[in-house]
PDB file of N, CA and C in Angstrom:
ATOM      1  N   UNK A   1      -4.572   1.290  23.366  1.00  0.00           N
ATOM      2  CA  UNK A   1      -3.415   0.845  22.851  1.00  0.00           C
ATOM      3  C   UNK A   1      -2.835  -0.417  21.875  1.00  0.00           C
ATOM      4  N   UNK A   2      -3.751  -1.032  21.506  1.00  0.00           N
ATOM      5  CA  UNK A   2      -3.486  -2.099  21.476  1.00  0.00           C
ATOM      6  C   UNK A   2      -3.969  -2.270  19.579  1.00  0.00           C
ATOM      7  N   UNK A   3      -5.629  -1.620  19.305  1.00  0.00           N
ATOM      8  CA  UNK A   3      -5.573  -1.432  18.309  1.00  0.00           C
ATOM      9  C   UNK A   3      -5.529  -0.323  16.931  1.00  0.00           C
ATOM     10  N   UNK A   4      -4.595  -0.040  17.456  1.00  0.00           N
ATOM     11  CA  UNK A   4      -3.787   1.006  16.666  1.00  0.00           C
ATOM     12  C   UNK A   4      -2.825   0.372  15.940  1.00  0.00           C
ATOM     13  N   UNK A   5      -2.372  -0.612  16.998  1.00  0.00           N
ATOM     14  CA  UNK A   5      -1.027  -1.497  16.707  1.00  0.00           C
ATOM     15  C   UNK A   5      -2.011  -2.611  15.866  1.00  0.00           C
ATOM     16  N   UNK A   6      -2.747  -3.290  16.218  1.00  0.00           N
ATOM     17  CA  UNK A   6      -3.668  -3.792  14.717  1.00  0.00           C
ATOM     18  C   UNK A   6      -3.867  -2.826  13.696  1.00  0.00           C
ATOM     19  N   UNK A   7      -4.379  -2.234  13.325  1.00  0.00           N
ATOM     20  CA  UNK A   7      -3.876  -1.317  12.149  1.00  0.00           C
ATOM     21  C   UNK A   7      -2.730  -0.913  11.802  1.00  0.00           C
ATOM     22  N   UNK A   8      -1.621  -0.679  12.401  1.00  0.00           N
ATOM     23  CA  UNK A   8      -0.653  -0.480  11.553  1.00  0.00           C
ATOM     24  C   UNK A   8       0.553  -1.847  10.964  1.00  0.00           C
ATOM     25  N   UNK A   9       0.029  -2.896  11.525  1.00  0.00           N
ATOM     26  CA  UNK A   9       0.109  -4.238  10.701  1.00  0.00           C
ATOM     27  C   UNK A   9      -0.550  -4.194   9.818  1.00  0.00           C
ATOM     28  N   UNK A  10      -1.788  -4.240   9.844  1.00  0.00           N
ATOM     29  CA  UNK A  10      -2.876  -4.156   8.223  1.00  0.00           C
ATOM     30  C   UNK A  10      -1.841  -3.550   7.625  1.00  0.00           C
ATOM     31  N   UNK A  11      -1.723  -2.408   7.659  1.00  0.00           N
ATOM     32  CA  UNK A  11      -1.217  -1.442   6.439  1.00  0.00           C
ATOM     33  C   UNK A  11       0.360  -1.791   6.017  1.00  0.00           C
ATOM     34  N   UNK A  12       1.237  -2.627   7.048  1.00  0.00           N
ATOM     35  CA  UNK A  12       2.130  -2.971   6.674  1.00  0.00           C
ATOM     36  C   UNK A  12       2.005  -4.308   5.819  1.00  0.00           C
ATOM     37  N   UNK A  13       1.058  -4.916   6.186  1.00  0.00           N
ATOM     38  CA  UNK A  13       0.186  -6.311   4.982  1.00  0.00           C
ATOM     39  C   UNK A  13       0.074  -5.663   3.863  1.00  0.00           C
ATOM     40  N   UNK A  14      -0.762  -4.730   3.864  1.00  0.00           N
ATOM     41  CA  UNK A  14      -0.955  -4.116   2.825  1.00  0.00           C
ATOM     42  C   UNK A  14      -0.341  -3.746   2.101  1.00  0.00           C
ATOM     43  N   UNK A  15       0.639  -2.957   2.583  1.00  0.00           N
ATOM     44  CA  UNK A  15       1.613  -2.552   1.447  1.00  0.00           C
ATOM     45  C   UNK A  15       2.452  -3.584   1.279  1.00  0.00           C
ATOM     46  N   UNK A  16       3.176  -4.598   1.679  1.00  0.00           N
ATOM     47  CA  UNK A  16       3.779  -5.809   0.771  1.00  0.00           C
ATOM     48  C   UNK A  16       3.110  -6.415   0.265  1.00  0.00           C
ATOM     49  N   UNK A  17       1.307  -6.734   0.163  1.00  0.00           N
ATOM     50  CA  UNK A  17       0.556  -7.167  -1.389  1.00  0.00           C
ATOM     51  C   UNK A  17       0.352  -6.166  -2.045  1.00  0.00           C
ATOM     52  N   UNK A  18       0.599  -4.737  -1.814  1.00  0.00           N
ATOM     53  CA  UNK A  18       0.562  -3.899  -2.672  1.00  0.00           C
ATOM     54  C   UNK A  18       1.642  -3.672  -3.857  1.00  0.00           C
ATOM     55  N   UNK A  19       3.349  -3.930  -3.458  1.00  0.00           N
ATOM     56  CA  UNK A  19       4.353  -4.761  -4.081  1.00  0.00           C
ATOM     57  C   UNK A  19       4.286  -5.664  -4.398  1.00  0.00           C
ATOM     58  N   UNK A  20       4.223  -6.588  -3.941  1.00  0.00           N
ATOM     59  CA  UNK A  20       3.783  -8.035  -4.452  1.00  0.00           C
ATOM     60  C   UNK A  20       2.562  -7.866  -6.371  1.00  0.00           C
ATOM     61  N   UNK A  21       1.398  -7.072  -6.296  1.00  0.00           N
ATOM     62  CA  UNK A  21       0.621  -7.129  -6.946  1.00  0.00           C
ATOM     63  C   UNK A  21       1.436  -5.909  -7.986  1.00  0.00           C
ATOM     64  N   UNK A  22       2.411  -5.388  -7.683  1.00  0.00           N
ATOM     65  CA  UNK A  22       2.784  -4.336  -8.196  1.00  0.00           C
ATOM     66  C   UNK A  22       3.648  -4.791  -9.577  1.00  0.00           C
ATOM     67  N   UNK A  23       4.716  -6.149  -8.953  1.00  0.00           N
ATOM     68  CA  UNK A  23       5.777  -6.422  -9.066  1.00  0.00           C
ATOM     69  C   UNK A  23       4.727  -7.736 -10.152  1.00  0.00           C
ATOM     70  N   UNK A  24       3.965  -8.389 -10.313  1.00  0.00           N
ATOM     71  CA  UNK A  24       3.181  -9.364 -10.899  1.00  0.00           C
ATOM     72  C   UNK A  24       2.710  -8.683 -11.782  1.00  0.00           C
ATOM     73  N   UNK A  25       2.349  -7.465 -11.978  1.00  0.00           N
ATOM     74  CA  UNK A  25       1.515  -6.479 -12.834  1.00  0.00           C
ATOM     75  C   UNK A  25       1.957  -6.039 -14.486  1.00  0.00           C
ATOM     76  N   UNK A  26       3.263  -6.645 -14.032  1.00  0.00           N
ATOM     77  CA  UNK A  26       4.650  -6.143 -14.798  1.00  0.00           C
ATOM     78  C   UNK A  26       5.130  -7.867 -15.761  1.00  0.00           C
ATOM     79  N   UNK A  27       4.857  -7.325 -17.113  1.00  0.00           N
ATOM     80  CA  UNK A  27       4.558  -8.870 -18.496  1.00  0.00           C
ATOM     81  C   UNK A  27       6.080  -8.381 -18.869  1.00  0.00           C
ATOM     82  N   UNK A  28       6.674  -8.519 -19.102  1.00  0.00           N
ATOM     83  CA  UNK A  28       8.146  -9.098 -20.098  1.00  0.00           C
ATOM     84  C   UNK A  28       8.474  -9.774 -21.310  1.00  0.00           C
ATOM     85  N   UNK A  29       8.631  -9.172 -22.488  1.00  0.00           N
ATOM     86  CA  UNK A  29       8.462  -9.806 -23.321  1.00  0.00           C
ATOM     87  C   UNK A  29       9.852  -9.239 -24.303  1.00  0.00           C
ATOM     88  N   UNK A  30      10.853 -10.572 -24.101  1.00  0.00           N
ATOM     89  CA  UNK A  30      11.934 -10.102 -24.833  1.00  0.00           C
ATOM     90  C   UNK A  30      11.698 -10.299 -26.590  1.00  0.00           C
ATOM     91  N   UNK A  31      12.484  -9.785 -27.488  1.00  0.00           N
ATOM     92  CA  UNK A  31      12.399  -9.946 -28.967  1.00  0.00           C
ATOM     93  C   UNK A  31      13.233 -10.384 -29.180  1.00  0.00           C
ATOM     94  N   UNK A  32      13.425 -11.069 -30.499  1.00  0.00           N
ATOM     95  CA  UNK A  32      15.166 -11.491 -30.591  1.00  0.00           C
ATOM     96  C   UNK A  32      15.356 -10.637 -31.721  1.00  0.00           C
ATOM     97  N   UNK A  33      16.144  -9.868 -31.661  1.00  0.00           N
ATOM     98  CA  UNK A  33      16.624  -9.436 -33.092  1.00  0.00           C
ATOM     99  C   UNK A  33      17.113  -9.620 -34.496  1.00  0.00           C
ATOM    100  N   UNK A  34      17.135  -8.993 -35.835  1.00  0.00           N
ATOM    101  CA  UNK A  34      17.607  -9.555 -36.674  1.00  0.00           C
ATOM    102  C   UNK A  34      18.886  -8.987 -37.290  1.00  0.00           C
ATOM    103  N   UNK A  35      18.651  -9.343 -38.842  1.00  0.00           N
ATOM    104  CA  UNK A  35      20.005  -8.335 -39.517  1.00  0.00           C
ATOM    105  C   UNK A  35      19.401  -6.730 -39.728  1.00  0.00           C
ATOM    106  N   UNK A  36      18.097  -6.781 -39.772  1.00  0.00           N
ATOM    107  CA  UNK A  36      17.519  -5.635 -39.981  1.00  0.00           C
ATOM    108  C   UNK A  36      17.190  -4.548 -38.767  1.00  0.00           C
ATOM    109  N   UNK A  37      16.551  -5.195 -37.410  1.00  0.00           N
ATOM    110  CA  UNK A  37      16.242  -4.899 -36.195  1.00  0.00           C
ATOM    111  C   UNK A  37      17.048  -5.415 -35.556  1.00  0.00           C
ATOM    112  N   UNK A  38      17.208  -4.331 -34.161  1.00  0.00           N
ATOM    113  CA  UNK A  38      17.819  -4.743 -33.501  1.00  0.00           C
ATOM    114  C   UNK A  38      17.225  -5.804 -32.083  1.00  0.00           C
ATOM    115  N   UNK A  39      17.398  -6.384 -31.201  1.00  0.00           N
ATOM    116  CA  UNK A  39      16.415  -7.032 -31.204  1.00  0.00           C
ATOM    117  C   UNK A  39      16.159  -6.224 -29.094  1.00  0.00           C
ATOM    118  N   UNK A  40      15.076  -6.044 -28.202  1.00  0.00           N
ATOM    119  CA  UNK A  40      14.037  -5.113 -27.465  1.00  0.00           C
ATOM    120  C   UNK A  40      13.922  -6.406 -26.247  1.00  0.00           C
ATOM    121  N   UNK A  41      13.811  -5.420 -25.203  1.00  0.00           N
ATOM    122  CA  UNK A  41      12.617  -5.891 -24.968  1.00  0.00           C
ATOM    123  C   UNK A  41      11.461  -5.068 -24.371  1.00  0.00           C
ATOM    124  N   UNK A  42      10.297  -5.859 -24.164  1.00  0.00           N
ATOM    125  CA  UNK A  42       8.812  -4.805 -23.982  1.00  0.00           C
ATOM    126  C   UNK A  42       8.359  -5.068 -22.650  1.00  0.00           C
ATOM    127  N   UNK A  43       7.937  -4.151 -21.839  1.00  0.00           N
ATOM    128  CA  UNK A  43       7.068  -4.281 -20.478  1.00  0.00           C
ATOM    129  C   UNK A  43       6.253  -3.654 -20.966  1.00  0.00           C
ATOM    130  N   UNK A  44       4.997  -5.031 -20.317  1.00  0.00           N
ATOM    131  CA  UNK A  44       3.530  -3.993 -20.376  1.00  0.00           C
ATOM    132  C   UNK A  44       2.661  -4.448 -19.318  1.00  0.00           C
ATOM    133  N   UNK A  45       2.242  -3.760 -18.589  1.00  0.00           N
ATOM    134  CA  UNK A  45       1.315  -3.294 -17.625  1.00  0.00           C
ATOM    135  C   UNK A  45      -0.112  -3.922 -17.242  1.00  0.00           C
ATOM    136  N   UNK A  46      -0.346  -4.698 -16.899  1.00  0.00           N
ATOM    137  CA  UNK A  46      -1.820  -5.369 -16.637  1.00  0.00           C
ATOM    138  C   UNK A  46      -2.599  -4.294 -15.765  1.00  0.00           C
ATOM    139  N   UNK A  47      -3.720  -3.694 -16.256  1.00  0.00           N
ATOM    140  CA  UNK A  47      -4.082  -2.499 -15.549  1.00  0.00           C
ATOM    141  C   UNK A  47      -5.213  -2.741 -14.038  1.00  0.00           C
ATOM    142  N   UNK A  48      -5.355  -3.716 -13.994  1.00  0.00           N
ATOM    143  CA  UNK A  48      -6.591  -4.440 -12.420  1.00  0.00           C
ATOM    144  C   UNK A  48      -5.607  -4.903 -11.663  1.00  0.00           C
ATOM    145  N   UNK A  49      -3.884  -5.019 -11.983  1.00  0.00           N
ATOM    146  CA  UNK A  49      -3.012  -5.595 -10.973  1.00  0.00           C
ATOM    147  C   UNK A  49      -2.854  -3.864 -10.711  1.00  0.00           C
ATOM    148  N   UNK A  50      -2.829  -2.891 -11.418  1.00  0.00           N
ATOM    149  CA  UNK A  50      -2.035  -1.783 -10.702  1.00  0.00           C
ATOM    150  C   UNK A  50      -3.057  -1.178 -10.039  1.00  0.00           C
ATOM    151  N   UNK A  51      -4.228  -0.845 -10.147  1.00  0.00           N
ATOM    152  CA  UNK A  51      -5.388  -0.594  -9.516  1.00  0.00           C
ATOM    153  C   UNK A  51      -5.675  -1.307  -8.719  1.00  0.00           C
ATOM    154  N   UNK A  52      -5.266  -2.049  -8.503  1.00  0.00           N
ATOM    155  CA  UNK A  52      -5.613  -3.019  -6.747  1.00  0.00           C
ATOM    156  C   UNK A  52      -4.138  -2.752  -5.922  1.00  0.00           C
ATOM    157  N   UNK A  53      -2.867  -2.552  -6.779  1.00  0.00           N
ATOM    158  CA  UNK A  53      -1.690  -2.057  -6.150  1.00  0.00           C
ATOM    159  C   UNK A  53      -1.390  -0.647  -5.529  1.00  0.00           C
ATOM    160  N   UNK A  54      -2.403   0.331  -6.340  1.00  0.00           N
ATOM    161  CA  UNK A  54      -3.319   1.342  -6.045  1.00  0.00           C
ATOM    162  C   UNK A  54      -3.632   1.699  -4.858  1.00  0.00           C
ATOM    163  N   UNK A  55      -4.829   0.878  -4.623  1.00  0.00           N
ATOM    164  CA  UNK A  55      -6.015   1.086  -3.689  1.00  0.00           C
ATOM    165  C   UNK A  55      -5.754   0.639  -2.797  1.00  0.00           C
ATOM    166  N   UNK A  56      -4.691  -0.536  -2.609  1.00  0.00           N
ATOM    167  CA  UNK A  56      -3.874  -1.189  -1.247  1.00  0.00           C
ATOM    168  C   UNK A  56      -2.586  -0.174  -0.619  1.00  0.00           C
ATOM    169  N   UNK A  57      -2.550   0.797  -1.180  1.00  0.00           N
ATOM    170  CA  UNK A  57      -1.363   1.502  -0.603  1.00  0.00           C
ATOM    171  C   UNK A  57      -2.241   2.804  -0.571  1.00  0.00           C
ATOM    172  N   UNK A  58      -3.373   2.717  -1.329  1.00  0.00           N
ATOM    173  CA  UNK A  58      -4.174   3.942  -0.615  1.00  0.00           C
ATOM    174  C   UNK A  58      -4.770   3.895   0.972  1.00  0.00           C
ATOM    175  N   UNK A  59      -5.659   2.078   1.061  1.00  0.00           N
ATOM    176  CA  UNK A  59      -6.054   1.838   2.262  1.00  0.00           C
ATOM    177  C   UNK A  59      -4.917   2.021   3.246  1.00  0.00           C
ATOM    178  N   UNK A  60      -4.078   1.337   2.901  1.00  0.00           N
ATOM    179  CA  UNK A  60      -2.767   1.750   3.985  1.00  0.00           C
ATOM    180  C   UNK A  60      -2.933   2.653   4.612  1.00  0.00           C
ATOM    181  N   UNK A  61      -2.374   3.563   3.106  1.00  0.00           N
ATOM    182  CA  UNK A  61      -2.181   5.463   4.018  1.00  0.00           C
ATOM    183  C   UNK A  61      -3.215   5.443   4.858  1.00  0.00           C
ATOM    184  N   UNK A  62      -4.481   5.269   4.593  1.00  0.00           N
ATOM    185  CA  UNK A  62      -5.910   5.644   5.308  1.00  0.00           C
ATOM    186  C   UNK A  62      -5.524   5.113   6.585  1.00  0.00           C
ATOM    187  N   UNK A  63      -5.045   3.767   6.819  1.00  0.00           N
ATOM    188  CA  UNK A  63      -5.025   3.058   8.400  1.00  0.00           C
ATOM    189  C   UNK A  63      -4.008   3.620   9.346  1.00  0.00           C
ATOM    190  N   UNK A  64      -2.970   4.178   9.255  1.00  0.00           N
ATOM    191  CA  UNK A  64      -1.664   4.473   9.127  1.00  0.00           C
ATOM    192  C   UNK A  64      -1.824   6.237   9.632  1.00  0.00           C
ATOM    193  N   UNK A  65      -2.833   7.368   8.906  1.00  0.00           N
ATOM    194  CA  UNK A  65      -3.730   8.172   8.967  1.00  0.00           C
ATOM    195  C   UNK A  65      -4.426   7.861  10.540  1.00  0.00           C
ATOM    196  N   UNK A  66      -5.093   6.827  10.764  1.00  0.00           N
ATOM    197  CA  UNK A  66      -5.986   6.413  11.776  1.00  0.00           C
ATOM    198  C   UNK A  66      -5.006   5.564  13.058  1.00  0.00           C
ATOM    199  N   UNK A  67      -4.302   5.399  12.045  1.00  0.00           N
ATOM    200  CA  UNK A  67      -3.741   4.705  13.983  1.00  0.00           C
ATOM    201  C   UNK A  67      -3.018   5.911  14.586  1.00  0.00           C
ATOM    202  N   UNK A  68      -2.588   6.783  13.417  1.00  0.00           N
ATOM    203  CA  UNK A  68      -1.790   7.694  14.196  1.00  0.00           C
ATOM    204  C   UNK A  68      -2.775   8.842  15.102  1.00  0.00           C
ATOM    205  N   UNK A  69      -3.771   9.135  14.475  1.00  0.00           N
ATOM    206  CA  UNK A  69      -4.824   9.696  15.018  1.00  0.00           C
ATOM    207  C   UNK A  69      -5.156   9.267  16.770  1.00  0.00           C
ATOM    208  N   UNK A  70      -5.419   7.813  16.524  1.00  0.00           N
ATOM    209  CA  UNK A  70      -5.991   7.681  17.603  1.00  0.00           C
ATOM    210  C   UNK A  70      -4.801   7.351  18.539  1.00  0.00           C
ATOM    211  N   UNK A  71      -3.233   6.703  18.057  1.00  0.00           N
ATOM    212  CA  UNK A  71      -2.401   7.070  19.357  1.00  0.00           C
ATOM    213  C   UNK A  71      -2.172   8.280  19.841  1.00  0.00           C
ATOM    214  N   UNK A  72      -2.466  10.138  18.914  1.00  0.00           N
ATOM    215  CA  UNK A  72      -2.361  10.952  19.534  1.00  0.00           C
ATOM    216  C   UNK A  72      -3.911  11.650  20.714  1.00  0.00           C
ATOM    217  N   UNK A  73      -4.878  10.863  19.915  1.00  0.00           N
ATOM    218  CA  UNK A  73      -5.845  10.983  20.926  1.00  0.00           C
ATOM    219  C   UNK A  73      -5.330  10.757  21.939  1.00  0.00           C
ATOM    220  N   UNK A  74      -4.984   9.294  22.896  1.00  0.00           N
ATOM    221  CA  UNK A  74      -5.335   8.785  23.638  1.00  0.00           C
ATOM    222  C   UNK A  74      -4.182   9.204  24.188  1.00  0.00           C
ATOM    223  N   UNK A  75      -2.873   9.875  23.162  1.00  0.00           N
ATOM    224  CA  UNK A  75      -2.293  10.263  25.179  1.00  0.00           C
ATOM    225  C   UNK A  75      -2.883  12.092  24.986  1.00  0.00           C
ATOM    226  N   UNK A  76      -3.536  12.476  24.511  1.00  0.00           N
ATOM    227  CA  UNK A  76      -3.804  13.850  24.861  1.00  0.00           C
ATOM    228  C   UNK A  76      -4.736  14.284  25.775  1.00  0.00           C
ATOM    229  N   UNK A  77      -6.412  13.110  25.474  1.00  0.00           N
ATOM    230  CA  UNK A  77      -7.682  13.545  26.215  1.00  0.00           C
ATOM    231  C   UNK A  77      -8.030  12.000  26.719  1.00  0.00           C
ATOM    232  N   UNK A  78      -7.451  12.376  28.086  1.00  0.00           N
ATOM    233  CA  UNK A  78      -7.886  10.636  28.790  1.00  0.00           C
ATOM    234  C   UNK A  78      -9.435  10.567  29.134  1.00  0.00           C
ATOM    235  N   UNK A  79      -9.926   9.559  29.612  1.00  0.00           N
ATOM    236  CA  UNK A  79     -10.981   9.158  29.490  1.00  0.00           C
ATOM    237  C   UNK A  79     -11.755   9.181  30.973  1.00  0.00           C
ATOM    238  N   UNK A  80     -11.164   9.389  31.976  1.00  0.00           N
ATOM    239  CA  UNK A  80     -11.334   9.160  33.326  1.00  0.00           C
ATOM    240  C   UNK A  80     -11.619  10.487  34.179  1.00  0.00           C
ATOM    241  N   UNK A  81     -11.892  11.411  33.748  1.00  0.00           N
ATOM    242  CA  UNK A  81     -11.331  13.073  33.692  1.00  0.00           C
ATOM    243  C   UNK A  81     -12.906  13.867  33.516  1.00  0.00           C
ATOM    244  N   UNK A  82     -13.547  14.029  33.938  1.00  0.00           N
ATOM    245  CA  UNK A  82     -14.753  14.479  34.204  1.00  0.00           C
ATOM    246  C   UNK A  82     -14.762  15.681  33.289  1.00  0.00           C
ATOM    247  N   UNK A  83     -15.715  16.697  32.458  1.00  0.00           N
ATOM    248  CA  UNK A  83     -15.861  17.576  31.715  1.00  0.00           C
ATOM    249  C   UNK A  83     -15.693  18.395  32.463  1.00  0.00           C
ATOM    250  N   UNK A  84     -15.514  19.485  32.176  1.00  0.00           N
ATOM    251  CA  UNK A  84     -15.888  20.547  32.932  1.00  0.00           C
ATOM    252  C   UNK A  84     -16.776  21.300  32.397  1.00  0.00           C
ATOM    253  N   UNK A  85     -17.527  21.534  33.066  1.00  0.00           N
ATOM    254  CA  UNK A  85     -18.955  22.431  32.597  1.00  0.00           C
ATOM    255  C   UNK A  85     -19.042  23.868  34.059  1.00  0.00           C
TER     256      UNK A  85
END
């Protein structure tokens, strides 16, 4: 039971890192308005950091699925029971 909790902990850590990566990927630039044009704020994204965020979310999802499968398999099949032949 200890290993699925370890995997779930890593999944939470990866999601937190994905959020930080996503927030770091946003670059905002404010442009001052003139008499002819109004001011505006532009947001551009850094693709490698977005790719990192997507990869971290994907890996954390796989870890959650694997941990759930291990917990479910541990509750269904006991290892001390001999197979029926």
